[in-house]
Protein backbone atom coordinates (compact mmCIF):
# COMPACT_ATOMS: atom_id res chain seq x y z
CA UNK A 1 9.39 7.44 19.80
CA UNK A 2 6.77 7.49 16.97
CA UNK A 3 2.88 7.97 17.21
CA UNK A 4 0.57 6.23 15.28
CA UNK A 5 -3.46 7.39 14.96
CA UNK A 6 -5.88 4.55 13.80
CA UNK A 7 -8.81 6.57 14.54
CA UNK A 8 -11.04 5.07 17.10
CA UNK A 9 -13.50 7.07 19.68
CA UNK A 10 -10.49 8.96 20.78
CA UNK A 11 -10.82 10.94 17.35
CA UNK A 12 -14.47 11.05 16.55
CA UNK A 13 -15.85 14.41 15.45
CA UNK A 14 -20.21 14.63 15.77
CA UNK A 15 -21.14 15.34 12.02
CA UNK A 16 -24.13 17.72 12.14
CA UNK A 17 -25.43 16.49 8.66
CA UNK A 18 -26.29 13.01 9.58
CA UNK A 19 -26.32 13.54 13.56
CA UNK A 20 -23.63 10.71 13.80
CA UNK A 21 -20.04 10.34 15.28
CA UNK A 22 -17.49 9.72 12.82
CA UNK A 23 -14.10 9.39 12.48
CA UNK A 24 -12.38 12.06 10.64
CA UNK A 25 -8.97 11.66 8.10
CA UNK A 26 -7.00 13.89 10.34
CA UNK A 27 -4.99 13.84 13.69
CA UNK A 28 -6.41 17.37 14.48
CA UNK A 29 -7.15 15.69 18.21
CA UNK A 30 -4.40 14.23 18.88
CA UNK A 31 -2.12 17.52 17.45
CA UNK A 32 -4.16 19.52 19.88
CA UNK A 33 -2.54 17.54 22.57
CA UNK A 34 0.44 17.33 21.33
CA UNK A 35 0.68 21.12 20.93
CA UNK A 36 0.53 21.36 24.94
CA UNK A 37 3.86 19.28 25.41
CA UNK A 38 7.31 21.01 25.35
CA UNK A 39 8.53 17.77 23.61
CA UNK A 40 7.85 17.47 19.99
CA UNK A 41 7.00 14.13 18.49
CA UNK A 42 6.48 12.51 15.40
CA UNK A 43 2.86 11.27 14.02
CA UNK A 44 1.33 9.62 11.58
CA UNK A 45 -2.17 8.84 10.71
CA UNK A 46 -2.26 4.97 9.80
CA UNK A 47 -5.85 3.89 9.94
CA UNK A 48 -8.93 6.44 10.00
CA UNK A 49 -11.62 3.86 11.66
CA UNK A 50 -13.88 3.05 14.43
CA UNK A 51 -11.88 -0.34 15.62
CA UNK A 52 -14.87 -2.62 15.03
CA UNK A 53 -14.29 -1.76 11.26
CA UNK A 54 -10.88 -2.95 11.95
CA UNK A 55 -9.21 -5.67 9.71
CA UNK A 56 -6.53 -7.87 9.21
CA UNK A 57 -4.77 -5.83 6.67
CA UNK A 58 -5.15 -3.07 8.58
CA UNK A 59 -3.20 -4.56 11.50
CA UNK A 60 -0.69 -5.76 9.11
CA UNK A 61 -0.37 -3.05 7.90
CA UNK A 62 0.23 -1.11 11.51
CA UNK A 63 2.96 -3.96 11.91
CA UNK A 64 4.77 -3.21 8.65
CA UNK A 65 5.18 0.27 9.56
CA UNK A 66 6.70 -0.22 12.89
CA UNK A 67 8.95 -2.78 11.84
CA UNK A 68 10.36 -0.64 8.71
CA UNK A 69 10.64 2.56 11.68
CA UNK A 70 13.96 3.55 13.07
CA UNK A 71 12.19 3.47 16.36
CA UNK A 72 11.79 1.21 19.01
CA UNK A 73 9.06 2.78 21.15
CA UNK A 74 5.51 3.85 19.40
CA UNK A 75 2.69 4.67 20.63
CA UNK A 76 -0.71 3.80 18.89
CA UNK A 77 -3.79 5.55 19.24
CA UNK A 78 -6.41 3.16 19.00
CA UNK A 79 -10.06 2.34 19.18
CA UNK A 80 -10.87 0.51 22.75
CA UNK A 81 -13.09 -2.19 21.38
CA UNK A 82 -11.08 -4.11 19.66
CA UNK A 83 -7.43 -2.71 21.25
CA UNK A 84 -6.70 -6.05 22.65
CA UNK A 85 -7.07 -7.81 19.29
CA UNK A 86 -4.54 -5.60 18.02
CA UNK A 87 -2.48 -5.38 20.83
CA UNK A 88 -2.29 -9.41 21.15
CA UNK A 89 -1.41 -9.46 17.00
CA UNK A 90 1.48 -7.00 17.44
CA UNK A 91 2.52 -8.96 20.66
CA UNK A 92 2.81 -12.12 18.47
CA UNK A 93 5.33 -10.22 16.18
CA UNK A 94 7.26 -8.09 17.75
CA UNK A 95 9.68 -8.56 21.06
CA UNK A 96 12.40 -6.25 20.38
CA UNK A 97 9.78 -2.68 20.38
CA UNK A 98 7.94 -1.12 23.08
CA UNK A 99 4.27 -0.59 22.01
CA UNK A 100 1.84 1.43 24.31
CA UNK A 101 -1.89 1.35 22.62
CA UNK A 102 -3.87 3.67 24.02
CA UNK A 103 -7.46 5.19 23.22
CA UNK A 104 -10.49 6.47 25.02
CA UNK A 105 -14.15 6.10 26.07
CA UNK A 106 -15.60 9.28 24.91
CA UNK A 107 -14.43 11.46 21.73
CA UNK A 108 -11.69 14.18 22.46
CA UNK A 109 -14.24 16.78 21.03
CA UNK A 110 -16.95 15.97 23.32
CA UNK A 111 -14.61 15.17 26.65
CA UNK A 112 -10.81 16.29 26.09
CA UNK A 113 -9.85 15.52 29.70
CA UNK A 114 -9.99 11.43 29.40
CA UNK A 115 -8.16 11.29 25.56
CA UNK A 116 -5.36 14.21 26.69
CA UNK A 117 -4.89 12.55 29.97
CA UNK A 118 -4.86 8.94 28.62
CA UNK A 119 -2.12 10.14 25.79
CA UNK A 120 -0.38 11.95 28.40
CA UNK A 121 0.30 8.45 30.33
CA UNK A 122 0.59 6.82 27.34
CA UNK A 123 3.67 9.34 26.09
CA UNK A 124 5.06 9.29 29.88
CA UNK A 125 5.01 5.65 30.00
CA UNK A 126 6.71 5.40 26.98
CA UNK A 127 9.43 7.92 27.24
CA UNK A 128 10.72 5.81 30.44
CA UNK A 129 9.76 2.18 29.27
CA UNK A 130 12.35 -0.47 30.56
CA UNK A 131 11.09 -3.22 28.66
CA UNK A 132 10.11 -4.07 25.47
CA UNK A 133 6.59 -5.44 25.41
CA UNK A 134 2.92 -4.20 24.23
CA UNK A 135 1.11 -2.49 26.50
CA UNK A 136 -2.53 -0.91 26.40
CA UNK A 137 -2.53 2.59 28.47
CA UNK A 138 -6.42 3.02 29.83
CA UNK A 139 -8.28 4.01 32.75
CA UNK A 140 -5.71 4.90 34.69
CA UNK A 141 -3.32 1.76 34.29
CA UNK A 142 -0.44 0.82 32.18
CA UNK A 143 0.10 -2.43 31.85
CA UNK A 144 1.17 -5.12 29.61
CA UNK A 145 -1.51 -5.90 26.90
CA UNK A 146 -3.11 -9.16 28.56
CA UNK A 147 -3.34 -7.81 32.05
CA UNK A 148 -6.14 -5.41 30.97
CA UNK A 149 -8.90 -5.92 29.32
CA UNK A 150 -12.27 -3.63 28.29
CA UNK A 151 -15.50 -3.92 31.10
CA UNK A 152 -18.25 -3.82 28.83
CA UNK A 153 -20.63 -3.47 31.64
CA UNK A 154 -19.15 -1.09 33.07
CA UNK A 155 -17.30 0.97 30.56
CA UNK A 156 -13.98 1.10 31.52
CA UNK A 157 -10.69 -0.80 31.74
CA UNK A 158 -9.82 -3.09 34.43
CA UNK A 159 -6.97 -5.22 35.32
CA UNK A 160 -7.33 -9.15 34.79
CA UNK A 161 -4.28 -10.86 36.66
């Protein structure tokens, strides 16, 4: 299993100099969570962006890393605003890998429980996945990407099957 970090709210930290939440160019939040696991996982930073800033080239780079990897199971930390777009993009390319996209509605720095639970669920699901597909893990669900969507009115993900 390879864990890929794309940034998003999951990773955001407060910058006291400008008063904004920013995506840092590091994997600190994820490494902190992974340090409590008995198993060790490979982790790579890919794109350190808010998902609203993700481009087609960013998604192509992500797909290229997945394509060139020896692994067939991936967990991708991604911002929630465009997680479905990235999931749809990857599902059009891969049918021979299991890809689980996961994010958080609140930054790990502000509320470490949601991010930790979501990442733990994603890794647990990925460890036992039985079918290659692209999944989204959010709000207590792990579903094929097109069965779950972000409800911006309520600030959570919901099933749409």
